[in-house]
PDB file of all heavy atoms in Angstrom:
ATOM      1  N   GLY A   1     -12.962  -4.916  13.682  1.00  0.00           N
ATOM      2  CA  GLY A   1     -12.846  -4.398  15.026  1.00  0.00           C
ATOM      3  C   GLY A   1     -13.881  -3.258  15.413  1.00  0.00           C
ATOM      4  O   GLY A   1     -13.707  -2.427  16.203  1.00  0.00           O
ATOM      5  N   ILE A   2     -14.943  -3.196  14.582  1.00  0.00           N
ATOM      6  CA  ILE A   2     -15.880  -2.148  14.689  1.00  0.00           C
ATOM      7  C   ILE A   2     -17.069  -2.708  15.456  1.00  0.00           C
ATOM      8  O   ILE A   2     -17.759  -3.742  15.089  1.00  0.00           O
ATOM      9  CB  ILE A   2     -16.461  -1.757  13.263  1.00  0.00           C
ATOM     10  CG1 ILE A   2     -15.205  -1.119  12.516  1.00  0.00           C
ATOM     11  CG2 ILE A   2     -17.586  -0.616  13.509  1.00  0.00           C
ATOM     12  CD1 ILE A   2     -15.673  -0.741  11.063  1.00  0.00           C
ATOM     13  N   ASP A   3     -17.486  -2.135  16.614  1.00  0.00           N
ATOM     14  CA  ASP A   3     -18.535  -2.419  17.443  1.00  0.00           C
ATOM     15  C   ASP A   3     -19.710  -1.583  17.012  1.00  0.00           C
ATOM     16  O   ASP A   3     -19.764  -0.446  17.121  1.00  0.00           O
ATOM     17  CB  ASP A   3     -18.233  -2.165  18.941  1.00  0.00           C
ATOM     18  CG  ASP A   3     -19.326  -2.618  19.897  1.00  0.00           C
ATOM     19  OD1 ASP A   3     -20.489  -2.930  19.304  1.00  0.00           O
ATOM     20  OD2 ASP A   3     -19.184  -2.797  21.051  1.00  0.00           O
ATOM     21  N   VAL A   4     -20.698  -2.247  16.309  1.00  0.00           N
ATOM     22  CA  VAL A   4     -21.723  -1.497  15.689  1.00  0.00           C
ATOM     23  C   VAL A   4     -22.632  -0.748  16.717  1.00  0.00           C
ATOM     24  O   VAL A   4     -23.398   0.167  16.410  1.00  0.00           O
ATOM     25  CB  VAL A   4     -22.766  -2.349  14.889  1.00  0.00           C
ATOM     26  CG1 VAL A   4     -21.990  -2.942  13.727  1.00  0.00           C
ATOM     27  CG2 VAL A   4     -23.280  -3.560  15.673  1.00  0.00           C
ATOM     28  N   ARG A   5     -22.565  -1.188  17.992  1.00  0.00           N
ATOM     29  CA  ARG A   5     -23.259  -0.434  19.054  1.00  0.00           C
ATOM     30  C   ARG A   5     -22.665   0.915  19.347  1.00  0.00           C
ATOM     31  O   ARG A   5     -23.300   1.717  20.134  1.00  0.00           O
ATOM     32  CB  ARG A   5     -23.285  -1.302  20.385  1.00  0.00           C
ATOM     33  CG  ARG A   5     -23.955  -2.680  20.288  1.00  0.00           C
ATOM     34  CD  ARG A   5     -23.691  -3.525  21.337  1.00  0.00           C
ATOM     35  NE  ARG A   5     -22.314  -3.800  21.503  1.00  0.00           N
ATOM     36  CZ  ARG A   5     -21.819  -4.621  22.531  1.00  0.00           C
ATOM     37  NH1 ARG A   5     -22.639  -5.114  23.435  1.00  0.00           N
ATOM     38  NH2 ARG A   5     -20.513  -4.801  22.615  1.00  0.00           N
ATOM     39  N   ASN A   6     -21.533   1.136  18.914  1.00  0.00           N
ATOM     40  CA  ASN A   6     -20.730   2.384  19.243  1.00  0.00           C
ATOM     41  C   ASN A   6     -20.535   3.306  18.103  1.00  0.00           C
ATOM     42  O   ASN A   6     -19.815   4.189  18.074  1.00  0.00           O
ATOM     43  CB  ASN A   6     -19.345   2.091  19.877  1.00  0.00           C
ATOM     44  CG  ASN A   6     -19.503   1.517  21.235  1.00  0.00           C
ATOM     45  OD1 ASN A   6     -20.325   1.793  21.980  1.00  0.00           O
ATOM     46  ND2 ASN A   6     -18.587   0.667  21.598  1.00  0.00           N
ATOM     47  N   LEU A   7     -21.343   3.195  16.994  1.00  0.00           N
ATOM     48  CA  LEU A   7     -21.020   3.800  15.697  1.00  0.00           C
ATOM     49  C   LEU A   7     -21.387   5.345  15.887  1.00  0.00           C
ATOM     50  O   LEU A   7     -20.840   6.133  15.153  1.00  0.00           O
ATOM     51  CB  LEU A   7     -21.920   3.278  14.599  1.00  0.00           C
ATOM     52  CG  LEU A   7     -21.446   1.867  14.103  1.00  0.00           C
ATOM     53  CD1 LEU A   7     -22.248   1.516  12.973  1.00  0.00           C
ATOM     54  CD2 LEU A   7     -20.041   1.969  13.588  1.00  0.00           C
ATOM     55  N   SER A   8     -22.220   5.617  16.947  1.00  0.00           N
ATOM     56  CA  SER A   8     -22.592   7.072  17.189  1.00  0.00           C
ATOM     57  C   SER A   8     -21.583   7.788  18.060  1.00  0.00           C
ATOM     58  O   SER A   8     -21.685   8.937  18.351  1.00  0.00           O
ATOM     59  CB  SER A   8     -23.944   7.124  17.710  1.00  0.00           C
ATOM     60  OG  SER A   8     -24.050   6.439  19.058  1.00  0.00           O
ATOM     61  N   ASN A   9     -20.608   6.978  18.514  1.00  0.00           N
ATOM     62  CA  ASN A   9     -19.645   7.613  19.471  1.00  0.00           C
ATOM     63  C   ASN A   9     -18.563   8.336  18.654  1.00  0.00           C
ATOM     64  O   ASN A   9     -17.720   7.738  17.840  1.00  0.00           O
ATOM     65  CB  ASN A   9     -18.951   6.520  20.291  1.00  0.00           C
ATOM     66  CG  ASN A   9     -17.797   6.928  21.264  1.00  0.00           C
ATOM     67  OD1 ASN A   9     -17.462   8.189  21.278  1.00  0.00           O
ATOM     68  ND2 ASN A   9     -17.338   6.117  21.984  1.00  0.00           N
ATOM     69  N   PRO A  10     -18.464   9.710  18.854  1.00  0.00           N
ATOM     70  CA  PRO A  10     -17.417  10.484  17.963  1.00  0.00           C
ATOM     71  C   PRO A  10     -16.115  10.144  18.270  1.00  0.00           C
ATOM     72  O   PRO A  10     -15.169  10.563  17.560  1.00  0.00           O
ATOM     73  CB  PRO A  10     -17.895  11.942  18.357  1.00  0.00           C
ATOM     74  CG  PRO A  10     -18.398  11.895  19.715  1.00  0.00           C
ATOM     75  CD  PRO A  10     -19.203  10.490  19.749  1.00  0.00           C
ATOM     76  N   ASP A  11     -15.787   9.499  19.377  1.00  0.00           N
ATOM     77  CA  ASP A  11     -14.407   9.130  19.792  1.00  0.00           C
ATOM     78  C   ASP A  11     -13.947   7.745  19.106  1.00  0.00           C
ATOM     79  O   ASP A  11     -12.804   7.377  19.257  1.00  0.00           O
ATOM     80  CB  ASP A  11     -14.181   9.066  21.226  1.00  0.00           C
ATOM     81  CG  ASP A  11     -14.529  10.433  21.860  1.00  0.00           C
ATOM     82  OD1 ASP A  11     -14.037  11.473  21.309  1.00  0.00           O
ATOM     83  OD2 ASP A  11     -15.090  10.518  23.048  1.00  0.00           O
ATOM     84  N   MET A  12     -14.827   7.076  18.375  1.00  0.00           N
ATOM     85  CA  MET A  12     -14.563   5.713  17.959  1.00  0.00           C
ATOM     86  C   MET A  12     -13.869   6.055  16.643  1.00  0.00           C
ATOM     87  O   MET A  12     -14.548   6.490  15.751  1.00  0.00           O
ATOM     88  CB  MET A  12     -15.717   4.983  17.811  1.00  0.00           C
ATOM     89  CG  MET A  12     -15.480   3.495  17.458  1.00  0.00           C
ATOM     90  SD  MET A  12     -16.938   2.464  17.318  1.00  0.00           S
ATOM     91  CE  MET A  12     -16.265   0.897  16.769  1.00  0.00           C
ATOM     92  N   ARG A  13     -12.634   5.469  16.459  1.00  0.00           N
ATOM     93  CA  ARG A  13     -11.884   5.660  15.240  1.00  0.00           C
ATOM     94  C   ARG A  13     -11.114   4.428  14.953  1.00  0.00           C
ATOM     95  O   ARG A  13     -10.920   3.631  15.802  1.00  0.00           O
ATOM     96  CB  ARG A  13     -10.873   6.863  15.432  1.00  0.00           C
ATOM     97  CG  ARG A  13     -11.587   8.160  15.881  1.00  0.00           C
ATOM     98  CD  ARG A  13     -10.610   9.341  15.860  1.00  0.00           C
ATOM     99  NE  ARG A  13     -10.200   9.849  14.559  1.00  0.00           N
ATOM    100  CZ  ARG A  13     -10.963  10.578  13.763  1.00  0.00           C
ATOM    101  NH1 ARG A  13     -12.223  11.109  14.215  1.00  0.00           N
ATOM    102  NH2 ARG A  13     -10.584  10.932  12.538  1.00  0.00           N
ATOM    103  N   LEU A  14     -10.637   4.324  13.735  1.00  0.00           N
ATOM    104  CA  LEU A  14      -9.882   3.191  13.246  1.00  0.00           C
ATOM    105  C   LEU A  14      -8.602   3.734  12.588  1.00  0.00           C
ATOM    106  O   LEU A  14      -8.637   4.886  12.036  1.00  0.00           O
ATOM    107  CB  LEU A  14     -10.632   2.332  12.210  1.00  0.00           C
ATOM    108  CG  LEU A  14     -11.794   1.564  12.732  1.00  0.00           C
ATOM    109  CD1 LEU A  14     -12.280   0.620  11.611  1.00  0.00           C
ATOM    110  CD2 LEU A  14     -11.447   0.573  13.855  1.00  0.00           C
ATOM    111  N   SER A  15      -7.541   2.866  12.705  1.00  0.00           N
ATOM    112  CA  SER A  15      -6.367   3.288  11.814  1.00  0.00           C
ATOM    113  C   SER A  15      -6.527   3.121  10.360  1.00  0.00           C
ATOM    114  O   SER A  15      -7.537   2.577  10.054  1.00  0.00           O
ATOM    115  CB  SER A  15      -5.183   2.285  12.347  1.00  0.00           C
ATOM    116  OG  SER A  15      -5.425   1.019  11.862  1.00  0.00           O
ATOM    117  N   GLY A  16      -5.700   3.734   9.686  1.00  0.00           N
ATOM    118  CA  GLY A  16      -5.771   3.624   8.205  1.00  0.00           C
ATOM    119  C   GLY A  16      -5.854   2.141   7.681  1.00  0.00           C
ATOM    120  O   GLY A  16      -6.508   1.884   6.778  1.00  0.00           O
ATOM    121  N   HIS A  17      -4.925   1.402   8.319  1.00  0.00           N
ATOM    122  CA  HIS A  17      -4.959  -0.046   7.877  1.00  0.00           C
ATOM    123  C   HIS A  17      -6.227  -0.663   8.158  1.00  0.00           C
ATOM    124  O   HIS A  17      -6.719  -1.430   7.289  1.00  0.00           O
ATOM    125  CB  HIS A  17      -3.770  -0.773   8.646  1.00  0.00           C
ATOM    126  CG  HIS A  17      -3.701  -2.146   8.322  1.00  0.00           C
ATOM    127  ND1 HIS A  17      -3.261  -2.674   7.097  1.00  0.00           N
ATOM    128  CD2 HIS A  17      -4.100  -3.315   9.134  1.00  0.00           C
ATOM    129  CE1 HIS A  17      -3.402  -4.035   7.161  1.00  0.00           C
ATOM    130  NE2 HIS A  17      -3.836  -4.398   8.308  1.00  0.00           N
ATOM    131  N   GLN A  18      -6.809  -0.504   9.338  1.00  0.00           N
ATOM    132  CA  GLN A  18      -8.045  -1.169   9.694  1.00  0.00           C
ATOM    133  C   GLN A  18      -9.222  -0.609   8.848  1.00  0.00           C
ATOM    134  O   GLN A  18     -10.004  -1.434   8.334  1.00  0.00           O
ATOM    135  CB  GLN A  18      -8.436  -0.872  11.138  1.00  0.00           C
ATOM    136  CG  GLN A  18      -7.557  -1.512  12.225  1.00  0.00           C
ATOM    137  CD  GLN A  18      -7.871  -1.048  13.550  1.00  0.00           C
ATOM    138  OE1 GLN A  18      -7.780   0.132  13.881  1.00  0.00           O
ATOM    139  NE2 GLN A  18      -8.358  -2.009  14.401  1.00  0.00           N
ATOM    140  N   TRP A  19      -9.187   0.685   8.565  1.00  0.00           N
ATOM    141  CA  TRP A  19     -10.245   1.263   7.742  1.00  0.00           C
ATOM    142  C   TRP A  19     -10.153   0.781   6.278  1.00  0.00           C
ATOM    143  O   TRP A  19     -11.149   0.449   5.659  1.00  0.00           O
ATOM    144  CB  TRP A  19     -10.101   2.770   7.736  1.00  0.00           C
ATOM    145  CG  TRP A  19     -11.224   3.609   7.258  1.00  0.00           C
ATOM    146  CD1 TRP A  19     -11.143   4.668   6.458  1.00  0.00           C
ATOM    147  CD2 TRP A  19     -12.615   3.481   7.717  1.00  0.00           C
ATOM    148  NE1 TRP A  19     -12.338   5.270   6.340  1.00  0.00           N
ATOM    149  CE2 TRP A  19     -13.224   4.597   7.045  1.00  0.00           C
ATOM    150  CE3 TRP A  19     -13.240   2.683   8.479  1.00  0.00           C
ATOM    151  CZ2 TRP A  19     -14.643   4.789   7.256  1.00  0.00           C
ATOM    152  CZ3 TRP A  19     -14.642   2.896   8.620  1.00  0.00           C
ATOM    153  CH2 TRP A  19     -15.303   3.944   8.085  1.00  0.00           C
ATOM    154  N   GLY A  20      -8.877   0.589   5.755  1.00  0.00           N
ATOM    155  CA  GLY A  20      -8.792   0.079   4.403  1.00  0.00           C
ATOM    156  C   GLY A  20      -9.224  -1.396   4.355  1.00  0.00           C
ATOM    157  O   GLY A  20      -9.880  -1.841   3.445  1.00  0.00           O
ATOM    158  N   GLU A  21      -8.768  -2.242   5.274  1.00  0.00           N
ATOM    159  CA  GLU A  21      -9.257  -3.633   5.380  1.00  0.00           C
ATOM    160  C   GLU A  21     -10.728  -3.717   5.533  1.00  0.00           C
ATOM    161  O   GLU A  21     -11.444  -4.656   4.857  1.00  0.00           O
ATOM    162  CB  GLU A  21      -8.623  -4.268   6.451  1.00  0.00           C
ATOM    163  CG  GLU A  21      -7.059  -4.504   6.315  1.00  0.00           C
ATOM    164  CD  GLU A  21      -6.757  -5.328   4.959  1.00  0.00           C
ATOM    165  OE1 GLU A  21      -7.274  -6.437   4.832  1.00  0.00           O
ATOM    166  OE2 GLU A  21      -6.092  -4.741   4.109  1.00  0.00           O
ATOM    167  N   PHE A  22     -11.425  -2.856   6.277  1.00  0.00           N
ATOM    168  CA  PHE A  22     -12.859  -2.942   6.393  1.00  0.00           C
ATOM    169  C   PHE A  22     -13.533  -2.735   4.937  1.00  0.00           C
ATOM    170  O   PHE A  22     -14.449  -3.446   4.640  1.00  0.00           O
ATOM    171  CB  PHE A  22     -13.357  -1.771   7.332  1.00  0.00           C
ATOM    172  CG  PHE A  22     -14.787  -1.474   7.250  1.00  0.00           C
ATOM    173  CD1 PHE A  22     -15.775  -2.369   7.746  1.00  0.00           C
ATOM    174  CD2 PHE A  22     -15.186  -0.259   6.708  1.00  0.00           C
ATOM    175  CE1 PHE A  22     -17.143  -2.181   7.673  1.00  0.00           C
ATOM    176  CE2 PHE A  22     -16.634  -0.109   6.597  1.00  0.00           C
ATOM    177  CZ  PHE A  22     -17.526  -1.068   7.124  1.00  0.00           C
ATOM    178  N   TRP A  23     -13.091  -1.714   4.324  1.00  0.00           N
ATOM    179  CA  TRP A  23     -13.786  -1.420   2.983  1.00  0.00           C
ATOM    180  C   TRP A  23     -13.340  -2.509   1.963  1.00  0.00           C
ATOM    181  O   TRP A  23     -14.256  -2.831   1.099  1.00  0.00           O
ATOM    182  CB  TRP A  23     -13.314  -0.013   2.466  1.00  0.00           C
ATOM    183  CG  TRP A  23     -14.072   1.088   3.212  1.00  0.00           C
ATOM    184  CD1 TRP A  23     -13.461   1.827   4.204  1.00  0.00           C
ATOM    185  CD2 TRP A  23     -15.391   1.326   3.073  1.00  0.00           C
ATOM    186  NE1 TRP A  23     -14.479   2.799   4.604  1.00  0.00           N
ATOM    187  CE2 TRP A  23     -15.655   2.470   3.927  1.00  0.00           C
ATOM    188  CE3 TRP A  23     -16.481   0.962   2.350  1.00  0.00           C
ATOM    189  CZ2 TRP A  23     -16.878   3.020   4.112  1.00  0.00           C
ATOM    190  CZ3 TRP A  23     -17.778   1.572   2.447  1.00  0.00           C
ATOM    191  CH2 TRP A  23     -17.929   2.570   3.293  1.00  0.00           C
ATOM    192  N   ARG A  24     -12.195  -3.103   2.009  1.00  0.00           N
ATOM    193  CA  ARG A  24     -11.853  -4.242   1.186  1.00  0.00           C
ATOM    194  C   ARG A  24     -12.846  -5.414   1.466  1.00  0.00           C
ATOM    195  O   ARG A  24     -13.339  -5.977   0.541  1.00  0.00           O
ATOM    196  CB  ARG A  24     -10.423  -4.734   1.493  1.00  0.00           C
ATOM    197  CG  ARG A  24      -9.364  -3.871   0.839  1.00  0.00           C
ATOM    198  CD  ARG A  24      -7.967  -4.377   1.271  1.00  0.00           C
ATOM    199  NE  ARG A  24      -6.913  -3.487   1.055  1.00  0.00           N
ATOM    200  CZ  ARG A  24      -6.241  -3.542  -0.139  1.00  0.00           C
ATOM    201  NH1 ARG A  24      -6.600  -4.247  -1.153  1.00  0.00           N
ATOM    202  NH2 ARG A  24      -5.154  -2.712  -0.318  1.00  0.00           N
ATOM    203  N   ALA A  25     -13.124  -5.562   2.741  1.00  0.00           N
ATOM    204  CA  ALA A  25     -14.000  -6.664   3.136  1.00  0.00           C
ATOM    205  C   ALA A  25     -15.478  -6.428   2.694  1.00  0.00           C
ATOM    206  O   ALA A  25     -16.124  -7.329   2.181  1.00  0.00           O
ATOM    207  CB  ALA A  25     -14.088  -6.882   4.701  1.00  0.00           C
ATOM    208  N   CYS A  26     -15.865  -5.209   2.722  1.00  0.00           N
ATOM    209  CA  CYS A  26     -17.150  -4.871   2.185  1.00  0.00           C
ATOM    210  C   CYS A  26     -17.318  -5.159   0.671  1.00  0.00           C
ATOM    211  O   CYS A  26     -18.321  -5.630   0.179  1.00  0.00           O
ATOM    212  CB  CYS A  26     -17.487  -3.385   2.319  1.00  0.00           C
ATOM    213  SG  CYS A  26     -17.800  -2.926   4.074  1.00  0.00           S
ATOM    214  N   ILE A  27     -16.192  -4.792  -0.093  1.00  0.00           N
ATOM    215  CA  ILE A  27     -16.236  -4.964  -1.503  1.00  0.00           C
ATOM    216  C   ILE A  27     -16.157  -6.429  -1.786  1.00  0.00           C
ATOM    217  O   ILE A  27     -16.834  -6.924  -2.792  1.00  0.00           O
ATOM    218  CB  ILE A  27     -14.845  -4.249  -2.115  1.00  0.00           C
ATOM    219  CG1 ILE A  27     -15.063  -2.877  -2.047  1.00  0.00           C
ATOM    220  CG2 ILE A  27     -14.603  -4.735  -3.531  1.00  0.00           C
ATOM    221  CD1 ILE A  27     -13.778  -1.949  -2.421  1.00  0.00           C
ATOM    222  N   GLU A  28     -15.498  -7.216  -1.006  1.00  0.00           N
ATOM    223  CA  GLU A  28     -15.374  -8.621  -1.247  1.00  0.00           C
ATOM    224  C   GLU A  28     -16.749  -9.324  -1.047  1.00  0.00           C
ATOM    225  O   GLU A  28     -17.264 -10.074  -1.793  1.00  0.00           O
ATOM    226  CB  GLU A  28     -14.341  -9.250  -0.360  1.00  0.00           C
ATOM    227  CG  GLU A  28     -14.116 -10.820  -0.534  1.00  0.00           C
ATOM    228  CD  GLU A  28     -13.153 -11.393   0.335  1.00  0.00           C
ATOM    229  OE1 GLU A  28     -12.224 -10.590   0.843  1.00  0.00           O
ATOM    230  OE2 GLU A  28     -13.066 -12.703   0.363  1.00  0.00           O
ATOM    231  N   GLU A  29     -17.419  -8.919   0.164  1.00  0.00           N
ATOM    232  CA  GLU A  29     -18.711  -9.477   0.554  1.00  0.00           C
ATOM    233  C   GLU A  29     -19.801  -8.979  -0.529  1.00  0.00           C
ATOM    234  O   GLU A  29     -20.630  -9.856  -0.815  1.00  0.00           O
ATOM    235  CB  GLU A  29     -19.131  -8.946   1.913  1.00  0.00           C
ATOM    236  CG  GLU A  29     -20.401  -9.445   2.432  1.00  0.00           C
ATOM    237  CD  GLU A  29     -20.298 -10.974   2.750  1.00  0.00           C
ATOM    238  OE1 GLU A  29     -19.109 -11.511   2.922  1.00  0.00           O
ATOM    239  OE2 GLU A  29     -21.305 -11.707   2.818  1.00  0.00           O
ATOM    240  N   SER A  30     -19.743  -7.804  -1.122  1.00  0.00           N
ATOM    241  CA  SER A  30     -20.715  -7.334  -2.056  1.00  0.00           C
ATOM    242  C   SER A  30     -20.361  -7.757  -3.439  1.00  0.00           C
ATOM    243  O   SER A  30     -21.302  -7.629  -4.318  1.00  0.00           O
ATOM    244  CB  SER A  30     -20.843  -5.844  -1.831  1.00  0.00           C
ATOM    245  OG  SER A  30     -19.587  -5.210  -2.325  1.00  0.00           O
ATOM    246  N   ASP A  31     -19.119  -8.070  -3.646  1.00  0.00           N
ATOM    247  CA  ASP A  31     -18.605  -8.439  -5.036  1.00  0.00           C
ATOM    248  C   ASP A  31     -18.893  -7.169  -5.901  1.00  0.00           C
ATOM    249  O   ASP A  31     -19.283  -7.327  -7.135  1.00  0.00           O
ATOM    250  CB  ASP A  31     -19.392  -9.668  -5.607  1.00  0.00           C
ATOM    251  CG  ASP A  31     -18.657 -10.181  -6.881  1.00  0.00           C
ATOM    252  OD1 ASP A  31     -17.379  -9.945  -7.009  1.00  0.00           O
ATOM    253  OD2 ASP A  31     -19.374 -10.803  -7.760  1.00  0.00           O
ATOM    254  N   ASP A  32     -18.539  -6.090  -5.410  1.00  0.00           N
ATOM    255  CA  ASP A  32     -18.685  -4.794  -6.096  1.00  0.00           C
ATOM    256  C   ASP A  32     -17.623  -3.811  -5.868  1.00  0.00           C
ATOM    257  O   ASP A  32     -17.489  -3.305  -4.773  1.00  0.00           O
ATOM    258  CB  ASP A  32     -19.981  -4.093  -5.770  1.00  0.00           C
ATOM    259  CG  ASP A  32     -20.305  -2.940  -6.468  1.00  0.00           C
ATOM    260  OD1 ASP A  32     -19.487  -2.392  -7.382  1.00  0.00           O
ATOM    261  OD2 ASP A  32     -21.324  -2.179  -6.300  1.00  0.00           O
ATOM    262  N   PRO A  33     -16.608  -3.733  -6.889  1.00  0.00           N
ATOM    263  CA  PRO A  33     -15.496  -2.764  -6.660  1.00  0.00           C
ATOM    264  C   PRO A  33     -15.895  -1.355  -6.364  1.00  0.00           C
ATOM    265  O   PRO A  33     -15.132  -0.578  -5.859  1.00  0.00           O
ATOM    266  CB  PRO A  33     -14.664  -2.875  -7.952  1.00  0.00           C
ATOM    267  CG  PRO A  33     -15.647  -3.476  -8.984  1.00  0.00           C
ATOM    268  CD  PRO A  33     -16.663  -4.251  -8.205  1.00  0.00           C
ATOM    269  N   LEU A  34     -17.041  -0.995  -6.762  1.00  0.00           N
ATOM    270  CA  LEU A  34     -17.690   0.416  -6.462  1.00  0.00           C
ATOM    271  C   LEU A  34     -18.701   0.365  -5.452  1.00  0.00           C
ATOM    272  O   LEU A  34     -19.700   0.955  -5.465  1.00  0.00           O
ATOM    273  CB  LEU A  34     -18.119   1.086  -7.776  1.00  0.00           C
ATOM    274  CG  LEU A  34     -17.021   1.437  -8.829  1.00  0.00           C
ATOM    275  CD1 LEU A  34     -17.718   2.032 -10.075  1.00  0.00           C
ATOM    276  CD2 LEU A  34     -16.121   2.432  -8.143  1.00  0.00           C
ATOM    277  N   PHE A  35     -18.453  -0.491  -4.348  1.00  0.00           N
ATOM    278  CA  PHE A  35     -19.406  -0.649  -3.346  1.00  0.00           C
ATOM    279  C   PHE A  35     -19.701   0.776  -2.694  1.00  0.00           C
ATOM    280  O   PHE A  35     -20.886   0.915  -2.134  1.00  0.00           O
ATOM    281  CB  PHE A  35     -18.844  -1.550  -2.258  1.00  0.00           C
ATOM    282  CG  PHE A  35     -19.706  -1.702  -1.037  1.00  0.00           C
ATOM    283  CD1 PHE A  35     -20.914  -2.383  -1.067  1.00  0.00           C
ATOM    284  CD2 PHE A  35     -19.351  -1.113   0.091  1.00  0.00           C
ATOM    285  CE1 PHE A  35     -21.607  -2.524   0.057  1.00  0.00           C
ATOM    286  CE2 PHE A  35     -20.124  -1.157   1.304  1.00  0.00           C
ATOM    287  CZ  PHE A  35     -21.315  -1.948   1.226  1.00  0.00           C
ATOM    288  N   ALA A  36     -18.917   1.674  -2.705  1.00  0.00           N
ATOM    289  CA  ALA A  36     -19.085   2.909  -2.072  1.00  0.00           C
ATOM    290  C   ALA A  36     -20.364   3.663  -2.753  1.00  0.00           C
ATOM    291  O   ALA A  36     -21.100   4.344  -2.075  1.00  0.00           O
ATOM    292  CB  ALA A  36     -17.953   3.938  -2.367  1.00  0.00           C
ATOM    293  N   LEU A  37     -20.699   3.290  -4.003  1.00  0.00           N
ATOM    294  CA  LEU A  37     -21.818   3.869  -4.759  1.00  0.00           C
ATOM    295  C   LEU A  37     -23.182   3.249  -4.017  1.00  0.00           C
ATOM    296  O   LEU A  37     -24.199   3.857  -4.047  1.00  0.00           O
ATOM    297  CB  LEU A  37     -21.742   3.606  -6.139  1.00  0.00           C
ATOM    298  CG  LEU A  37     -20.775   4.235  -6.935  1.00  0.00           C
ATOM    299  CD1 LEU A  37     -20.856   3.885  -8.454  1.00  0.00           C
ATOM    300  CD2 LEU A  37     -20.782   5.773  -6.726  1.00  0.00           C
ATOM    301  N   GLN A  38     -23.049   1.941  -3.560  1.00  0.00           N
ATOM    302  CA  GLN A  38     -24.223   1.428  -2.817  1.00  0.00           C
ATOM    303  C   GLN A  38     -24.226   2.034  -1.503  1.00  0.00           C
ATOM    304  O   GLN A  38     -25.364   2.407  -1.046  1.00  0.00           O
ATOM    305  CB  GLN A  38     -23.968  -0.094  -2.720  1.00  0.00           C
ATOM    306  CG  GLN A  38     -23.983  -1.000  -4.044  1.00  0.00           C
ATOM    307  CD  GLN A  38     -24.068  -2.432  -3.750  1.00  0.00           C
ATOM    308  OE1 GLN A  38     -24.760  -2.961  -2.834  1.00  0.00           O
ATOM    309  NE2 GLN A  38     -23.181  -3.118  -4.449  1.00  0.00           N
ATOM    310  N   ALA A  39     -23.158   1.977  -0.823  1.00  0.00           N
ATOM    311  CA  ALA A  39     -23.184   2.526   0.610  1.00  0.00           C
ATOM    312  C   ALA A  39     -23.651   4.078   0.649  1.00  0.00           C
ATOM    313  O   ALA A  39     -24.519   4.307   1.598  1.00  0.00           O
ATOM    314  CB  ALA A  39     -21.824   2.497   1.189  1.00  0.00           C
TER     315      ALA A  39
END
């Protein structure tokens, strides 16, 4: 549910559940459990 066109909007926020699912999806897509080190 992240609109990349609005990433600079300081009012754009996600719930903890959405935020966790986003990072899980990044890890799955990258196949890297430490994807944060890449990001």
